mmCIF file of all heavy atoms, coordinates in Angstrom:
data_MODEL
# 
_entry.id   MODEL 
# 
loop_
_atom_site.group_PDB 
_atom_site.id 
_atom_site.type_symbol 
_atom_site.label_atom_id 
_atom_site.label_alt_id 
_atom_site.label_comp_id 
_atom_site.label_asym_id 
_atom_site.label_entity_id 
_atom_site.label_seq_id 
_atom_site.pdbx_PDB_ins_code 
_atom_site.Cartn_x 
_atom_site.Cartn_y 
_atom_site.Cartn_z 
_atom_site.occupancy 
_atom_site.B_iso_or_equiv 
_atom_site.pdbx_formal_charge 
_atom_site.auth_seq_id 
_atom_site.auth_comp_id 
_atom_site.auth_asym_id 
_atom_site.auth_atom_id 
_atom_site.pdbx_PDB_model_num 
ATOM 1   N N   . LEU A 1 1  ? 24.810 -16.421 1.087  1.00 0.00 ? 1  LEU A N   1 
ATOM 2   C CA  . LEU A 1 1  ? 24.034 -15.280 0.647  1.00 0.00 ? 1  LEU A CA  1 
ATOM 3   C C   . LEU A 1 1  ? 22.761 -15.026 1.314  1.00 0.00 ? 1  LEU A C   1 
ATOM 4   O O   . LEU A 1 1  ? 22.028 -15.984 1.456  1.00 0.00 ? 1  LEU A O   1 
ATOM 5   C CB  . LEU A 1 1  ? 23.904 -15.558 -0.876 1.00 0.00 ? 1  LEU A CB  1 
ATOM 6   C CG  . LEU A 1 1  ? 23.476 -14.232 -1.759 1.00 0.00 ? 1  LEU A CG  1 
ATOM 7   C CD1 . LEU A 1 1  ? 24.662 -13.304 -1.815 1.00 0.00 ? 1  LEU A CD1 1 
ATOM 8   C CD2 . LEU A 1 1  ? 23.027 -14.557 -3.060 1.00 0.00 ? 1  LEU A CD2 1 
ATOM 9   N N   . VAL A 1 2  ? 22.485 -13.897 1.741  1.00 0.00 ? 2  VAL A N   1 
ATOM 10  C CA  . VAL A 1 2  ? 21.260 -13.529 2.487  1.00 0.00 ? 2  VAL A CA  1 
ATOM 11  C C   . VAL A 1 2  ? 20.610 -12.323 1.937  1.00 0.00 ? 2  VAL A C   1 
ATOM 12  O O   . VAL A 1 2  ? 20.906 -11.267 2.100  1.00 0.00 ? 2  VAL A O   1 
ATOM 13  C CB  . VAL A 1 2  ? 21.664 -13.202 3.993  1.00 0.00 ? 2  VAL A CB  1 
ATOM 14  C CG1 . VAL A 1 2  ? 20.314 -13.046 4.810  1.00 0.00 ? 2  VAL A CG1 1 
ATOM 15  C CG2 . VAL A 1 2  ? 22.477 -14.228 4.676  1.00 0.00 ? 2  VAL A CG2 1 
ATOM 16  N N   . PRO A 1 3  ? 19.507 -12.593 0.960  1.00 0.00 ? 3  PRO A N   1 
ATOM 17  C CA  . PRO A 1 3  ? 18.815 -11.471 0.444  1.00 0.00 ? 3  PRO A CA  1 
ATOM 18  C C   . PRO A 1 3  ? 17.961 -10.880 1.481  1.00 0.00 ? 3  PRO A C   1 
ATOM 19  O O   . PRO A 1 3  ? 17.295 -11.404 2.320  1.00 0.00 ? 3  PRO A O   1 
ATOM 20  C CB  . PRO A 1 3  ? 17.923 -12.275 -0.583 1.00 0.00 ? 3  PRO A CB  1 
ATOM 21  C CG  . PRO A 1 3  ? 18.616 -13.586 -0.910 1.00 0.00 ? 3  PRO A CG  1 
ATOM 22  C CD  . PRO A 1 3  ? 19.251 -13.932 0.427  1.00 0.00 ? 3  PRO A CD  1 
ATOM 23  N N   . GLY A 1 4  ? 18.086 -9.479  1.474  1.00 0.00 ? 4  GLY A N   1 
ATOM 24  C CA  . GLY A 1 4  ? 17.290 -8.761  2.413  1.00 0.00 ? 4  GLY A CA  1 
ATOM 25  C C   . GLY A 1 4  ? 15.941 -8.267  2.030  1.00 0.00 ? 4  GLY A C   1 
ATOM 26  O O   . GLY A 1 4  ? 15.201 -7.456  2.707  1.00 0.00 ? 4  GLY A O   1 
ATOM 27  N N   . GLU A 1 5  ? 15.532 -8.565  0.792  1.00 0.00 ? 5  GLU A N   1 
ATOM 28  C CA  . GLU A 1 5  ? 14.314 -8.017  0.124  1.00 0.00 ? 5  GLU A CA  1 
ATOM 29  C C   . GLU A 1 5  ? 13.715 -9.104  -0.679 1.00 0.00 ? 5  GLU A C   1 
ATOM 30  O O   . GLU A 1 5  ? 14.489 -10.025 -1.242 1.00 0.00 ? 5  GLU A O   1 
ATOM 31  C CB  . GLU A 1 5  ? 14.442 -6.699  -0.628 1.00 0.00 ? 5  GLU A CB  1 
ATOM 32  C CG  . GLU A 1 5  ? 13.417 -6.203  -1.407 1.00 0.00 ? 5  GLU A CG  1 
ATOM 33  C CD  . GLU A 1 5  ? 12.120 -5.911  -0.611 1.00 0.00 ? 5  GLU A CD  1 
ATOM 34  O OE1 . GLU A 1 5  ? 11.627 -6.769  -0.016 1.00 0.00 ? 5  GLU A OE1 1 
ATOM 35  O OE2 . GLU A 1 5  ? 11.660 -4.686  -0.708 1.00 0.00 ? 5  GLU A OE2 1 
ATOM 36  N N   . ASN A 1 6  ? 12.362 -9.135  -0.915 1.00 0.00 ? 6  ASN A N   1 
ATOM 37  C CA  . ASN A 1 6  ? 11.757 -10.145 -1.764 1.00 0.00 ? 6  ASN A CA  1 
ATOM 38  C C   . ASN A 1 6  ? 12.115 -9.756  -3.257 1.00 0.00 ? 6  ASN A C   1 
ATOM 39  O O   . ASN A 1 6  ? 12.296 -8.511  -3.625 1.00 0.00 ? 6  ASN A O   1 
ATOM 40  C CB  . ASN A 1 6  ? 10.248 -9.990  -1.705 1.00 0.00 ? 6  ASN A CB  1 
ATOM 41  C CG  . ASN A 1 6  ? 9.680  -10.236 -0.258 1.00 0.00 ? 6  ASN A CG  1 
ATOM 42  O OD1 . ASN A 1 6  ? 10.301 -11.076 0.329  1.00 0.00 ? 6  ASN A OD1 1 
ATOM 43  N ND2 . ASN A 1 6  ? 8.744  -9.517  0.140  1.00 0.00 ? 6  ASN A ND2 1 
ATOM 44  N N   . PRO A 1 7  ? 12.461 -10.752 -4.020 1.00 0.00 ? 7  PRO A N   1 
ATOM 45  C CA  . PRO A 1 7  ? 12.946 -10.542 -5.408 1.00 0.00 ? 7  PRO A CA  1 
ATOM 46  C C   . PRO A 1 7  ? 11.831 -9.978  -6.221 1.00 0.00 ? 7  PRO A C   1 
ATOM 47  O O   . PRO A 1 7  ? 12.070 -9.197  -7.300 1.00 0.00 ? 7  PRO A O   1 
ATOM 48  C CB  . PRO A 1 7  ? 13.383 -11.912 -5.918 1.00 0.00 ? 7  PRO A CB  1 
ATOM 49  C CG  . PRO A 1 7  ? 12.611 -12.907 -5.012 1.00 0.00 ? 7  PRO A CG  1 
ATOM 50  C CD  . PRO A 1 7  ? 12.452 -12.158 -3.730 1.00 0.00 ? 7  PRO A CD  1 
ATOM 51  N N   . THR A 1 8  ? 10.546 -10.299 -6.014 1.00 0.00 ? 8  THR A N   1 
ATOM 52  C CA  . THR A 1 8  ? 9.434  -9.808  -6.709 1.00 0.00 ? 8  THR A CA  1 
ATOM 53  C C   . THR A 1 8  ? 8.268  -9.588  -5.914 1.00 0.00 ? 8  THR A C   1 
ATOM 54  O O   . THR A 1 8  ? 8.329  -10.117 -4.760 1.00 0.00 ? 8  THR A O   1 
ATOM 55  C CB  . THR A 1 8  ? 9.038  -10.695 -7.850 1.00 0.00 ? 8  THR A CB  1 
ATOM 56  O OG1 . THR A 1 8  ? 8.693  -12.032 -7.355 1.00 0.00 ? 8  THR A OG1 1 
ATOM 57  C CG2 . THR A 1 8  ? 10.077 -10.960 -9.033 1.00 0.00 ? 8  THR A CG2 1 
ATOM 58  N N   . GLY A 1 9  ? 7.267  -8.989  -6.474 1.00 0.00 ? 9  GLY A N   1 
ATOM 59  C CA  . GLY A 1 9  ? 5.995  -8.790  -5.638 1.00 0.00 ? 9  GLY A CA  1 
ATOM 60  C C   . GLY A 1 9  ? 6.083  -7.737  -4.661 1.00 0.00 ? 9  GLY A C   1 
ATOM 61  O O   . GLY A 1 9  ? 6.903  -6.811  -4.813 1.00 0.00 ? 9  GLY A O   1 
ATOM 62  N N   . ALA A 1 10 ? 5.178  -7.802  -3.541 1.00 0.00 ? 10 ALA A N   1 
ATOM 63  C CA  . ALA A 1 10 ? 5.242  -6.798  -2.523 1.00 0.00 ? 10 ALA A CA  1 
ATOM 64  C C   . ALA A 1 10 ? 6.505  -6.647  -1.824 1.00 0.00 ? 10 ALA A C   1 
ATOM 65  O O   . ALA A 1 10 ? 7.157  -7.667  -1.585 1.00 0.00 ? 10 ALA A O   1 
ATOM 66  C CB  . ALA A 1 10 ? 4.106  -7.066  -1.536 1.00 0.00 ? 10 ALA A CB  1 
ATOM 67  N N   . THR A 1 11 ? 6.978  -5.571  -1.606 1.00 0.00 ? 11 THR A N   1 
ATOM 68  C CA  . THR A 1 11 ? 8.195  -5.404  -0.848 1.00 0.00 ? 11 THR A CA  1 
ATOM 69  C C   . THR A 1 11 ? 8.072  -5.768  0.683  1.00 0.00 ? 11 THR A C   1 
ATOM 70  O O   . THR A 1 11 ? 6.999  -5.682  1.239  1.00 0.00 ? 11 THR A O   1 
ATOM 71  C CB  . THR A 1 11 ? 8.641  -3.870  -0.873 1.00 0.00 ? 11 THR A CB  1 
ATOM 72  O OG1 . THR A 1 11 ? 9.782  -3.686  0.032  1.00 0.00 ? 11 THR A OG1 1 
ATOM 73  C CG2 . THR A 1 11 ? 7.491  -2.953  -0.375 1.00 0.00 ? 11 THR A CG2 1 
ATOM 74  N N   . ALA A 1 12 ? 9.196  -6.229  1.132  1.00 0.00 ? 12 ALA A N   1 
ATOM 75  C CA  . ALA A 1 12 ? 9.206  -6.528  2.617  1.00 0.00 ? 12 ALA A CA  1 
ATOM 76  C C   . ALA A 1 12 ? 8.933  -5.415  3.538  1.00 0.00 ? 12 ALA A C   1 
ATOM 77  O O   . ALA A 1 12 ? 8.506  -5.686  4.658  1.00 0.00 ? 12 ALA A O   1 
ATOM 78  C CB  . ALA A 1 12 ? 10.469 -7.283  2.966  1.00 0.00 ? 12 ALA A CB  1 
ATOM 79  N N   . PHE A 1 13 ? 9.118  -4.257  3.049  1.00 0.00 ? 13 PHE A N   1 
ATOM 80  C CA  . PHE A 1 13 ? 9.036  -3.016  3.920  1.00 0.00 ? 13 PHE A CA  1 
ATOM 81  C C   . PHE A 1 13 ? 7.692  -2.420  3.753  1.00 0.00 ? 13 PHE A C   1 
ATOM 82  O O   . PHE A 1 13 ? 7.474  -1.245  4.214  1.00 0.00 ? 13 PHE A O   1 
ATOM 83  C CB  . PHE A 1 13 ? 10.085 -2.036  3.541  1.00 0.00 ? 13 PHE A CB  1 
ATOM 84  C CG  . PHE A 1 13 ? 11.476 -2.675  3.672  1.00 0.00 ? 13 PHE A CG  1 
ATOM 85  C CD1 . PHE A 1 13 ? 12.181 -3.172  2.504  1.00 0.00 ? 13 PHE A CD1 1 
ATOM 86  C CD2 . PHE A 1 13 ? 12.019 -2.834  4.912  1.00 0.00 ? 13 PHE A CD2 1 
ATOM 87  C CE1 . PHE A 1 13 ? 13.363 -3.717  2.683  1.00 0.00 ? 13 PHE A CE1 1 
ATOM 88  C CE2 . PHE A 1 13 ? 13.423 -3.423  4.959  1.00 0.00 ? 13 PHE A CE2 1 
ATOM 89  C CZ  . PHE A 1 13 ? 13.994 -3.925  3.826  1.00 0.00 ? 13 PHE A CZ  1 
ATOM 90  N N   . GLU A 1 14 ? 6.722  -3.091  3.181  1.00 0.00 ? 14 GLU A N   1 
ATOM 91  C CA  . GLU A 1 14 ? 5.371  -2.450  3.108  1.00 0.00 ? 14 GLU A CA  1 
ATOM 92  C C   . GLU A 1 14 ? 4.719  -2.052  4.497  1.00 0.00 ? 14 GLU A C   1 
ATOM 93  O O   . GLU A 1 14 ? 4.157  -1.048  4.551  1.00 0.00 ? 14 GLU A O   1 
ATOM 94  C CB  . GLU A 1 14 ? 4.388  -3.571  2.408  1.00 0.00 ? 14 GLU A CB  1 
ATOM 95  C CG  . GLU A 1 14 ? 3.132  -2.987  2.044  1.00 0.00 ? 14 GLU A CG  1 
ATOM 96  C CD  . GLU A 1 14 ? 2.166  -4.118  1.324  1.00 0.00 ? 14 GLU A CD  1 
ATOM 97  O OE1 . GLU A 1 14 ? 2.685  -5.211  1.127  1.00 0.00 ? 14 GLU A OE1 1 
ATOM 98  O OE2 . GLU A 1 14 ? 1.097  -3.679  0.902  1.00 0.00 ? 14 GLU A OE2 1 
ATOM 99  N N   . PRO A 1 15 ? 4.940  -2.815  5.630  1.00 0.00 ? 15 PRO A N   1 
ATOM 100 C CA  . PRO A 1 15 ? 4.356  -2.429  6.794  1.00 0.00 ? 15 PRO A CA  1 
ATOM 101 C C   . PRO A 1 15 ? 4.937  -0.946  7.289  1.00 0.00 ? 15 PRO A C   1 
ATOM 102 O O   . PRO A 1 15 ? 4.140  -0.308  7.910  1.00 0.00 ? 15 PRO A O   1 
ATOM 103 C CB  . PRO A 1 15 ? 4.878  -3.502  7.862  1.00 0.00 ? 15 PRO A CB  1 
ATOM 104 C CG  . PRO A 1 15 ? 5.098  -4.650  7.009  1.00 0.00 ? 15 PRO A CG  1 
ATOM 105 C CD  . PRO A 1 15 ? 5.559  -4.228  5.596  1.00 0.00 ? 15 PRO A CD  1 
ATOM 106 N N   . ILE A 1 16 ? 6.149  -0.730  6.903  1.00 0.00 ? 16 ILE A N   1 
ATOM 107 C CA  . ILE A 1 16 ? 6.706  0.651   7.127  1.00 0.00 ? 16 ILE A CA  1 
ATOM 108 C C   . ILE A 1 16 ? 6.013  1.759   6.455  1.00 0.00 ? 16 ILE A C   1 
ATOM 109 O O   . ILE A 1 16 ? 5.841  2.948   7.004  1.00 0.00 ? 16 ILE A O   1 
ATOM 110 C CB  . ILE A 1 16 ? 8.258  0.571   6.873  1.00 0.00 ? 16 ILE A CB  1 
ATOM 111 C CG1 . ILE A 1 16 ? 8.924  -0.260  7.942  1.00 0.00 ? 16 ILE A CG1 1 
ATOM 112 C CG2 . ILE A 1 16 ? 8.817  2.088   6.783  1.00 0.00 ? 16 ILE A CG2 1 
ATOM 113 C CD1 . ILE A 1 16 ? 10.446 -0.414  7.759  1.00 0.00 ? 16 ILE A CD1 1 
ATOM 114 N N   . GLN A 1 17 ? 5.596  1.455   5.203  1.00 0.00 ? 17 GLN A N   1 
ATOM 115 C CA  . GLN A 1 17 ? 4.797  2.435   4.486  1.00 0.00 ? 17 GLN A CA  1 
ATOM 116 C C   . GLN A 1 17 ? 3.503  2.850   5.173  1.00 0.00 ? 17 GLN A C   1 
ATOM 117 O O   . GLN A 1 17 ? 3.007  4.042   5.036  1.00 0.00 ? 17 GLN A O   1 
ATOM 118 C CB  . GLN A 1 17 ? 4.614  1.927   3.077  1.00 0.00 ? 17 GLN A CB  1 
ATOM 119 C CG  . GLN A 1 17 ? 5.775  1.411   2.283  1.00 0.00 ? 17 GLN A CG  1 
ATOM 120 C CD  . GLN A 1 17 ? 6.129  2.373   1.165  1.00 0.00 ? 17 GLN A CD  1 
ATOM 121 O OE1 . GLN A 1 17 ? 6.033  3.516   1.256  1.00 0.00 ? 17 GLN A OE1 1 
ATOM 122 N NE2 . GLN A 1 17 ? 6.585  1.714   0.070  1.00 0.00 ? 17 GLN A NE2 1 
ATOM 123 N N   . ILE A 1 18 ? 2.865  1.816   5.816  1.00 0.00 ? 18 ILE A N   1 
ATOM 124 C CA  . ILE A 1 18 ? 1.607  2.108   6.332  1.00 0.00 ? 18 ILE A CA  1 
ATOM 125 C C   . ILE A 1 18 ? 1.661  3.008   7.638  1.00 0.00 ? 18 ILE A C   1 
ATOM 126 O O   . ILE A 1 18 ? 0.941  3.887   7.806  1.00 0.00 ? 18 ILE A O   1 
ATOM 127 C CB  . ILE A 1 18 ? 0.930  0.749   6.749  1.00 0.00 ? 18 ILE A CB  1 
ATOM 128 C CG1 . ILE A 1 18 ? 0.752  -0.043  5.481  1.00 0.00 ? 18 ILE A CG1 1 
ATOM 129 C CG2 . ILE A 1 18 ? -0.288 0.963   7.425  1.00 0.00 ? 18 ILE A CG2 1 
ATOM 130 C CD1 . ILE A 1 18 ? 0.302  -1.528  5.616  1.00 0.00 ? 18 ILE A CD1 1 
ATOM 131 N N   . ALA A 1 19 ? 2.656  2.646   8.318  1.00 0.00 ? 19 ALA A N   1 
ATOM 132 C CA  . ALA A 1 19 ? 2.907  3.409   9.667  1.00 0.00 ? 19 ALA A CA  1 
ATOM 133 C C   . ALA A 1 19 ? 4.376  3.692   9.624  1.00 0.00 ? 19 ALA A C   1 
ATOM 134 O O   . ALA A 1 19 ? 5.172  3.063   10.454 1.00 0.00 ? 19 ALA A O   1 
ATOM 135 C CB  . ALA A 1 19 ? 2.417  2.755   10.858 1.00 0.00 ? 19 ALA A CB  1 
ATOM 136 N N   . PRO A 1 20 ? 4.847  4.764   9.091  1.00 0.00 ? 20 PRO A N   1 
ATOM 137 C CA  . PRO A 1 20 ? 6.308  4.949   8.915  1.00 0.00 ? 20 PRO A CA  1 
ATOM 138 C C   . PRO A 1 20 ? 6.966  5.452   10.258 1.00 0.00 ? 20 PRO A C   1 
ATOM 139 O O   . PRO A 1 20 ? 6.284  6.209   11.046 1.00 0.00 ? 20 PRO A O   1 
ATOM 140 C CB  . PRO A 1 20 ? 6.311  6.100   7.881  1.00 0.00 ? 20 PRO A CB  1 
ATOM 141 C CG  . PRO A 1 20 ? 5.064  6.827   7.909  1.00 0.00 ? 20 PRO A CG  1 
ATOM 142 C CD  . PRO A 1 20 ? 4.141  5.692   8.131  1.00 0.00 ? 20 PRO A CD  1 
ATOM 143 N N   . PRO A 1 21 ? 8.211  5.003   10.478 1.00 0.00 ? 21 PRO A N   1 
ATOM 144 C CA  . PRO A 1 21 ? 8.968  5.589   11.560 1.00 0.00 ? 21 PRO A CA  1 
ATOM 145 C C   . PRO A 1 21 ? 9.095  7.140   11.591 1.00 0.00 ? 21 PRO A C   1 
ATOM 146 O O   . PRO A 1 21 ? 9.033  7.676   10.421 1.00 0.00 ? 21 PRO A O   1 
ATOM 147 C CB  . PRO A 1 21 ? 10.319 4.896   11.546 1.00 0.00 ? 21 PRO A CB  1 
ATOM 148 C CG  . PRO A 1 21 ? 10.101 3.677   10.761 1.00 0.00 ? 21 PRO A CG  1 
ATOM 149 C CD  . PRO A 1 21 ? 8.983  3.997   9.630  1.00 0.00 ? 21 PRO A CD  1 
ATOM 150 N N   . THR A 1 22 ? 9.220  7.617   12.661 1.00 0.00 ? 22 THR A N   1 
ATOM 151 C CA  . THR A 1 22 ? 9.323  9.141   12.627 1.00 0.00 ? 22 THR A CA  1 
ATOM 152 C C   . THR A 1 22 ? 10.719 9.759   12.544 1.00 0.00 ? 22 THR A C   1 
ATOM 153 O O   . THR A 1 22 ? 10.767 10.911  12.429 1.00 0.00 ? 22 THR A O   1 
ATOM 154 C CB  . THR A 1 22 ? 8.561  9.678   13.935 1.00 0.00 ? 22 THR A CB  1 
ATOM 155 O OG1 . THR A 1 22 ? 9.214  9.092   15.068 1.00 0.00 ? 22 THR A OG1 1 
ATOM 156 C CG2 . THR A 1 22 ? 7.113  9.333   13.892 1.00 0.00 ? 22 THR A CG2 1 
ATOM 157 N N   . SER A 1 23 ? 11.596 8.892   12.709 1.00 0.00 ? 23 SER A N   1 
ATOM 158 C CA  . SER A 1 23 ? 13.084 9.396   12.750 1.00 0.00 ? 23 SER A CA  1 
ATOM 159 C C   . SER A 1 23 ? 14.101 8.480   12.073 1.00 0.00 ? 23 SER A C   1 
ATOM 160 O O   . SER A 1 23 ? 13.732 7.296   11.899 1.00 0.00 ? 23 SER A O   1 
ATOM 161 C CB  . SER A 1 23 ? 13.519 9.585   14.192 1.00 0.00 ? 23 SER A CB  1 
ATOM 162 O OG  . SER A 1 23 ? 13.680 8.425   14.827 1.00 0.00 ? 23 SER A OG  1 
ATOM 163 N N   . GLU A 1 24 ? 15.227 9.103   11.722 1.00 0.00 ? 24 GLU A N   1 
ATOM 164 C CA  . GLU A 1 24 ? 16.252 8.274   11.090 1.00 0.00 ? 24 GLU A CA  1 
ATOM 165 C C   . GLU A 1 24 ? 16.794 7.166   12.204 1.00 0.00 ? 24 GLU A C   1 
ATOM 166 O O   . GLU A 1 24 ? 17.216 6.165   11.891 1.00 0.00 ? 24 GLU A O   1 
ATOM 167 C CB  . GLU A 1 24 ? 17.384 9.308   10.722 1.00 0.00 ? 24 GLU A CB  1 
ATOM 168 C CG  . GLU A 1 24 ? 18.471 8.568   9.860  1.00 0.00 ? 24 GLU A CG  1 
ATOM 169 C CD  . GLU A 1 24 ? 19.512 9.558   9.301  1.00 0.00 ? 24 GLU A CD  1 
ATOM 170 O OE1 . GLU A 1 24 ? 19.069 10.712  8.789  1.00 0.00 ? 24 GLU A OE1 1 
ATOM 171 O OE2 . GLU A 1 24 ? 20.595 9.382   9.414  1.00 0.00 ? 24 GLU A OE2 1 
ATOM 172 N N   . THR A 1 25 ? 16.821 7.713   13.523 1.00 0.00 ? 25 THR A N   1 
ATOM 173 C CA  . THR A 1 25 ? 17.247 6.917   14.595 1.00 0.00 ? 25 THR A CA  1 
ATOM 174 C C   . THR A 1 25 ? 16.497 5.646   14.701 1.00 0.00 ? 25 THR A C   1 
ATOM 175 O O   . THR A 1 25 ? 16.979 4.479   14.856 1.00 0.00 ? 25 THR A O   1 
ATOM 176 C CB  . THR A 1 25 ? 17.305 7.618   15.946 1.00 0.00 ? 25 THR A CB  1 
ATOM 177 O OG1 . THR A 1 25 ? 18.060 8.868   15.818 1.00 0.00 ? 25 THR A OG1 1 
ATOM 178 C CG2 . THR A 1 25 ? 17.780 6.763   17.064 1.00 0.00 ? 25 THR A CG2 1 
ATOM 179 N N   . GLU A 1 26 ? 15.152 5.759   14.540 1.00 0.00 ? 26 GLU A N   1 
ATOM 180 C CA  . GLU A 1 26 ? 14.353 4.487   14.609 1.00 0.00 ? 26 GLU A CA  1 
ATOM 181 C C   . GLU A 1 26 ? 14.593 3.568   13.407 1.00 0.00 ? 26 GLU A C   1 
ATOM 182 O O   . GLU A 1 26 ? 14.644 2.323   13.615 1.00 0.00 ? 26 GLU A O   1 
ATOM 183 C CB  . GLU A 1 26 ? 12.805 4.896   14.659 1.00 0.00 ? 26 GLU A CB  1 
ATOM 184 C CG  . GLU A 1 26 ? 11.951 3.683   14.900 1.00 0.00 ? 26 GLU A CG  1 
ATOM 185 C CD  . GLU A 1 26 ? 10.476 4.011   14.948 1.00 0.00 ? 26 GLU A CD  1 
ATOM 186 O OE1 . GLU A 1 26 ? 10.145 5.272   15.020 1.00 0.00 ? 26 GLU A OE1 1 
ATOM 187 O OE2 . GLU A 1 26 ? 9.602  3.109   14.928 1.00 0.00 ? 26 GLU A OE2 1 
ATOM 188 N N   . PHE A 1 27 ? 14.781 4.150   12.315 1.00 0.00 ? 27 PHE A N   1 
ATOM 189 C CA  . PHE A 1 27 ? 15.191 3.296   11.177 1.00 0.00 ? 27 PHE A CA  1 
ATOM 190 C C   . PHE A 1 27 ? 16.466 2.610   11.385 1.00 0.00 ? 27 PHE A C   1 
ATOM 191 O O   . PHE A 1 27 ? 16.733 1.426   10.950 1.00 0.00 ? 27 PHE A O   1 
ATOM 192 C CB  . PHE A 1 27 ? 15.379 4.133   9.899  1.00 0.00 ? 27 PHE A CB  1 
ATOM 193 C CG  . PHE A 1 27 ? 14.070 4.190   9.024  1.00 0.00 ? 27 PHE A CG  1 
ATOM 194 C CD1 . PHE A 1 27 ? 13.392 5.304   8.738  1.00 0.00 ? 27 PHE A CD1 1 
ATOM 195 C CD2 . PHE A 1 27 ? 13.669 2.999   8.487  1.00 0.00 ? 27 PHE A CD2 1 
ATOM 196 C CE1 . PHE A 1 27 ? 12.327 5.286   7.903  1.00 0.00 ? 27 PHE A CE1 1 
ATOM 197 C CE2 . PHE A 1 27 ? 12.551 2.922   7.652  1.00 0.00 ? 27 PHE A CE2 1 
ATOM 198 C CZ  . PHE A 1 27 ? 11.805 4.093   7.372  1.00 0.00 ? 27 PHE A CZ  1 
ATOM 199 N N   . ILE A 1 28 ? 17.491 3.212   12.035 1.00 0.00 ? 28 ILE A N   1 
ATOM 200 C CA  . ILE A 1 28 ? 18.787 2.527   12.255 1.00 0.00 ? 28 ILE A CA  1 
ATOM 201 C C   . ILE A 1 28 ? 18.517 1.368   13.205 1.00 0.00 ? 28 ILE A C   1 
ATOM 202 O O   . ILE A 1 28 ? 18.998 0.257   12.906 1.00 0.00 ? 28 ILE A O   1 
ATOM 203 C CB  . ILE A 1 28 ? 19.739 3.537   13.033 1.00 0.00 ? 28 ILE A CB  1 
ATOM 204 C CG1 . ILE A 1 28 ? 20.167 4.626   11.975 1.00 0.00 ? 28 ILE A CG1 1 
ATOM 205 C CG2 . ILE A 1 28 ? 20.917 2.718   13.654 1.00 0.00 ? 28 ILE A CG2 1 
ATOM 206 C CD1 . ILE A 1 28 ? 21.134 5.633   12.509 1.00 0.00 ? 28 ILE A CD1 1 
# 
């Protein structure tokens, strides 16, 4: 089992919120 996100607290994707990718391709 490999969890891809923190179970509680700050989300692992917080850095993305600060400077978000500009396209769906970059997210892929």
